[in-house]
């Protein structure tokens, strides 16, 4: 049957999901010679008044288009013990941006883009480009 996680484990997973929304990075597009050395970077705006609900705008690309998180901040994921859980992270209008996952309890960097930086091999990004999803898979929960 389904096992319910203790509240602390559920809150930790929710914390990770919320933190990923705060750790969105935009990558720089290729620039022409006229732009080299100008120091212009994509603008990233974190406005606490706008960081509510499912339409969270955090980053902008070179053209000023804002990336929007389509996943609810309070998403609850339930999984059977020893199975694989996937924490969703859908980002719309993201262009060439990269999502990073950080574990809240110890602020450990887990992933950047598709690369896993954790020594814990249970963590892996499941990126479905056509779905604009950067889900974090946690094996053997």
C-alpha atoms as a PDB file:
ATOM      1  CA  UNK A   1       0.000   0.000   0.000  1.00  0.00           C
ATOM      2  CA  UNK A   2       0.872   3.634   0.003  1.00  0.00           C
ATOM      3  CA  UNK A   3       2.994   4.881   2.885  1.00  0.00           C
ATOM      4  CA  UNK A   4       2.580   8.400   4.198  1.00  0.00           C
ATOM      5  CA  UNK A   5       5.832  10.175   4.872  1.00  0.00           C
ATOM      6  CA  UNK A   6       6.443  11.822   8.215  1.00  0.00           C
ATOM      7  CA  UNK A   7       5.622  15.517   8.228  1.00  0.00           C
ATOM      8  CA  UNK A   8       9.312  16.483   8.409  1.00  0.00           C
ATOM      9  CA  UNK A   9      10.148  14.491   5.259  1.00  0.00           C
ATOM     10  CA  UNK A  10       7.177  15.952   3.396  1.00  0.00           C
ATOM     11  CA  UNK A  11       8.169  19.466   4.476  1.00  0.00           C
ATOM     12  CA  UNK A  12      11.755  18.827   3.348  1.00  0.00           C
ATOM     13  CA  UNK A  13      10.541  17.796  -0.106  1.00  0.00           C
ATOM     14  CA  UNK A  14       8.280  20.840  -0.255  1.00  0.00           C
ATOM     15  CA  UNK A  15      11.231  22.980   0.796  1.00  0.00           C
ATOM     16  CA  UNK A  16      13.307  21.592  -2.062  1.00  0.00           C
ATOM     17  CA  UNK A  17      10.475  22.289  -4.496  1.00  0.00           C
ATOM     18  CA  UNK A  18      10.140  25.866  -3.248  1.00  0.00           C
ATOM     19  CA  UNK A  19      13.883  26.489  -3.299  1.00  0.00           C
ATOM     20  CA  UNK A  20      14.203  25.404  -6.893  1.00  0.00           C
ATOM     21  CA  UNK A  21      11.810  28.199  -7.732  1.00  0.00           C
ATOM     22  CA  UNK A  22      14.235  30.626  -6.110  1.00  0.00           C
ATOM     23  CA  UNK A  23      17.333  29.178  -7.783  1.00  0.00           C
ATOM     24  CA  UNK A  24      16.492  29.543 -11.452  1.00  0.00           C
ATOM     25  CA  UNK A  25      19.456  30.634 -13.495  1.00  0.00           C
ATOM     26  CA  UNK A  26      19.392  32.067 -16.978  1.00  0.00           C
ATOM     27  CA  UNK A  27      22.262  31.333 -19.304  1.00  0.00           C
ATOM     28  CA  UNK A  28      23.671  33.911 -21.647  1.00  0.00           C
ATOM     29  CA  UNK A  29      22.920  33.538 -25.333  1.00  0.00           C
ATOM     30  CA  UNK A  30      25.726  33.870 -27.857  1.00  0.00           C
ATOM     31  CA  UNK A  31      26.594  37.514 -28.394  1.00  0.00           C
ATOM     32  CA  UNK A  32      28.009  39.329 -31.322  1.00  0.00           C
ATOM     33  CA  UNK A  33      31.327  41.232 -31.157  1.00  0.00           C
ATOM     34  CA  UNK A  34      29.500  44.500 -30.451  1.00  0.00           C
ATOM     35  CA  UNK A  35      28.222  43.109 -27.165  1.00  0.00           C
ATOM     36  CA  UNK A  36      31.522  41.739 -25.853  1.00  0.00           C
ATOM     37  CA  UNK A  37      32.814  43.356 -22.705  1.00  0.00           C
ATOM     38  CA  UNK A  38      29.762  45.509 -22.085  1.00  0.00           C
ATOM     39  CA  UNK A  39      28.810  43.650 -18.927  1.00  0.00           C
ATOM     40  CA  UNK A  40      25.156  43.478 -19.980  1.00  0.00           C
ATOM     41  CA  UNK A  41      23.567  40.417 -18.443  1.00  0.00           C
ATOM     42  CA  UNK A  42      20.032  39.104 -18.500  1.00  0.00           C
ATOM     43  CA  UNK A  43      17.954  40.696 -15.790  1.00  0.00           C
ATOM     44  CA  UNK A  44      16.682  38.466 -13.004  1.00  0.00           C
ATOM     45  CA  UNK A  45      13.872  39.804 -10.897  1.00  0.00           C
ATOM     46  CA  UNK A  46      12.762  38.322  -7.592  1.00  0.00           C
ATOM     47  CA  UNK A  47       9.770  40.303  -6.415  1.00  0.00           C
ATOM     48  CA  UNK A  48       8.204  38.781  -3.268  1.00  0.00           C
ATOM     49  CA  UNK A  49       4.817  40.253  -4.201  1.00  0.00           C
ATOM     50  CA  UNK A  50       4.856  38.273  -7.452  1.00  0.00           C
ATOM     51  CA  UNK A  51       6.155  35.024  -5.886  1.00  0.00           C
ATOM     52  CA  UNK A  52       2.707  33.618  -5.083  1.00  0.00           C
ATOM     53  CA  UNK A  53       0.440  31.013  -6.593  1.00  0.00           C
ATOM     54  CA  UNK A  54       1.264  28.971  -9.654  1.00  0.00           C
ATOM     55  CA  UNK A  55       2.322  31.807 -11.953  1.00  0.00           C
ATOM     56  CA  UNK A  56       5.693  32.682 -10.373  1.00  0.00           C
ATOM     57  CA  UNK A  57       7.858  34.936 -12.544  1.00  0.00           C
ATOM     58  CA  UNK A  58      11.536  34.862 -11.608  1.00  0.00           C
ATOM     59  CA  UNK A  59      13.830  35.234 -14.594  1.00  0.00           C
ATOM     60  CA  UNK A  60      13.949  37.063 -17.884  1.00  0.00           C
ATOM     61  CA  UNK A  61      15.809  36.180 -21.047  1.00  0.00           C
ATOM     62  CA  UNK A  62      17.697  38.575 -23.347  1.00  0.00           C
ATOM     63  CA  UNK A  63      14.465  39.726 -24.978  1.00  0.00           C
ATOM     64  CA  UNK A  64      12.825  40.596 -21.654  1.00  0.00           C
ATOM     65  CA  UNK A  65      10.434  37.637 -21.768  1.00  0.00           C
ATOM     66  CA  UNK A  66       9.762  36.404 -18.266  1.00  0.00           C
ATOM     67  CA  UNK A  67      10.047  32.732 -17.320  1.00  0.00           C
ATOM     68  CA  UNK A  68       6.983  31.501 -15.453  1.00  0.00           C
ATOM     69  CA  UNK A  69       6.740  28.572 -13.047  1.00  0.00           C
ATOM     70  CA  UNK A  70       3.634  26.545 -13.868  1.00  0.00           C
ATOM     71  CA  UNK A  71       4.016  24.133 -10.919  1.00  0.00           C
ATOM     72  CA  UNK A  72       2.273  25.002  -7.648  1.00  0.00           C
ATOM     73  CA  UNK A  73       4.677  25.897  -4.818  1.00  0.00           C
ATOM     74  CA  UNK A  74       2.872  23.586  -2.414  1.00  0.00           C
ATOM     75  CA  UNK A  75       2.877  20.481  -4.600  1.00  0.00           C
ATOM     76  CA  UNK A  76       2.715  17.318  -2.463  1.00  0.00           C
ATOM     77  CA  UNK A  77       4.270  14.151  -3.867  1.00  0.00           C
ATOM     78  CA  UNK A  78       3.330  10.771  -2.385  1.00  0.00           C
ATOM     79  CA  UNK A  79       5.294   7.606  -3.160  1.00  0.00           C
ATOM     80  CA  UNK A  80       5.604   4.062  -1.913  1.00  0.00           C
ATOM     81  CA  UNK A  81       8.600   3.295   0.279  1.00  0.00           C
ATOM     82  CA  UNK A  82      11.616   2.189  -1.853  1.00  0.00           C
ATOM     83  CA  UNK A  83       9.932   3.473  -5.054  1.00  0.00           C
ATOM     84  CA  UNK A  84      10.893   6.509  -7.142  1.00  0.00           C
ATOM     85  CA  UNK A  85       9.311   9.901  -6.476  1.00  0.00           C
ATOM     86  CA  UNK A  86       9.468  12.753  -8.994  1.00  0.00           C
ATOM     87  CA  UNK A  87       9.151  16.367  -7.849  1.00  0.00           C
ATOM     88  CA  UNK A  88       7.755  18.341 -10.798  1.00  0.00           C
ATOM     89  CA  UNK A  89       9.096  21.692 -11.953  1.00  0.00           C
ATOM     90  CA  UNK A  90       7.433  23.064 -15.085  1.00  0.00           C
ATOM     91  CA  UNK A  91       8.843  26.354 -16.372  1.00  0.00           C
ATOM     92  CA  UNK A  92       7.195  28.176 -19.296  1.00  0.00           C
ATOM     93  CA  UNK A  93       8.898  30.706 -21.612  1.00  0.00           C
ATOM     94  CA  UNK A  94      12.289  29.598 -20.292  1.00  0.00           C
ATOM     95  CA  UNK A  95      14.415  29.739 -23.437  1.00  0.00           C
ATOM     96  CA  UNK A  96      17.957  28.610 -22.668  1.00  0.00           C
ATOM     97  CA  UNK A  97      17.582  28.797 -18.886  1.00  0.00           C
ATOM     98  CA  UNK A  98      18.746  26.151 -16.430  1.00  0.00           C
ATOM     99  CA  UNK A  99      17.013  24.838 -13.304  1.00  0.00           C
ATOM    100  CA  UNK A 100      19.019  23.975 -10.187  1.00  0.00           C
ATOM    101  CA  UNK A 101      17.755  21.779  -7.353  1.00  0.00           C
ATOM    102  CA  UNK A 102      19.010  22.383  -3.786  1.00  0.00           C
ATOM    103  CA  UNK A 103      18.191  20.315  -0.704  1.00  0.00           C
ATOM    104  CA  UNK A 104      16.718  22.666   1.881  1.00  0.00           C
ATOM    105  CA  UNK A 105      17.839  20.968   5.103  1.00  0.00           C
ATOM    106  CA  UNK A 106      21.557  21.408   4.369  1.00  0.00           C
ATOM    107  CA  UNK A 107      21.485  23.681   1.277  1.00  0.00           C
ATOM    108  CA  UNK A 108      23.321  20.996  -0.708  1.00  0.00           C
ATOM    109  CA  UNK A 109      23.420  21.586  -4.447  1.00  0.00           C
ATOM    110  CA  UNK A 110      21.834  18.515  -6.031  1.00  0.00           C
ATOM    111  CA  UNK A 111      21.632  19.358  -9.732  1.00  0.00           C
ATOM    112  CA  UNK A 112      22.331  22.116 -12.235  1.00  0.00           C
ATOM    113  CA  UNK A 113      20.605  21.551 -15.540  1.00  0.00           C
ATOM    114  CA  UNK A 114      20.973  17.854 -16.327  1.00  0.00           C
ATOM    115  CA  UNK A 115      24.179  17.439 -14.278  1.00  0.00           C
ATOM    116  CA  UNK A 116      23.937  15.857 -10.812  1.00  0.00           C
ATOM    117  CA  UNK A 117      26.343  17.279  -8.209  1.00  0.00           C
ATOM    118  CA  UNK A 118      25.284  15.172  -5.237  1.00  0.00           C
ATOM    119  CA  UNK A 119      27.306  12.123  -4.221  1.00  0.00           C
ATOM    120  CA  UNK A 120      23.923  10.541  -3.430  1.00  0.00           C
ATOM    121  CA  UNK A 121      23.101   8.683  -6.644  1.00  0.00           C
ATOM    122  CA  UNK A 122      19.379   8.609  -5.833  1.00  0.00           C
ATOM    123  CA  UNK A 123      18.968  12.115  -7.317  1.00  0.00           C
ATOM    124  CA  UNK A 124      18.542  12.707 -11.051  1.00  0.00           C
ATOM    125  CA  UNK A 125      16.852  15.334 -13.224  1.00  0.00           C
ATOM    126  CA  UNK A 126      14.125  14.093 -15.533  1.00  0.00           C
ATOM    127  CA  UNK A 127      14.007  16.740 -18.252  1.00  0.00           C
ATOM    128  CA  UNK A 128      11.206  16.556 -20.796  1.00  0.00           C
ATOM    129  CA  UNK A 129      11.916  19.510 -23.090  1.00  0.00           C
ATOM    130  CA  UNK A 130       8.611  19.271 -24.973  1.00  0.00           C
ATOM    131  CA  UNK A 131       6.766  19.373 -21.616  1.00  0.00           C
ATOM    132  CA  UNK A 132       9.049  22.125 -20.246  1.00  0.00           C
ATOM    133  CA  UNK A 133       9.561  19.977 -17.137  1.00  0.00           C
ATOM    134  CA  UNK A 134      12.714  19.792 -14.978  1.00  0.00           C
ATOM    135  CA  UNK A 135      11.509  17.190 -12.482  1.00  0.00           C
ATOM    136  CA  UNK A 136      13.776  15.864  -9.739  1.00  0.00           C
ATOM    137  CA  UNK A 137      13.680  12.076  -9.477  1.00  0.00           C
ATOM    138  CA  UNK A 138      14.480  10.607  -6.073  1.00  0.00           C
ATOM    139  CA  UNK A 139      15.096   6.871  -6.246  1.00  0.00           C
ATOM    140  CA  UNK A 140      14.546   4.530  -3.275  1.00  0.00           C
ATOM    141  CA  UNK A 141      12.523   7.012  -1.200  1.00  0.00           C
END
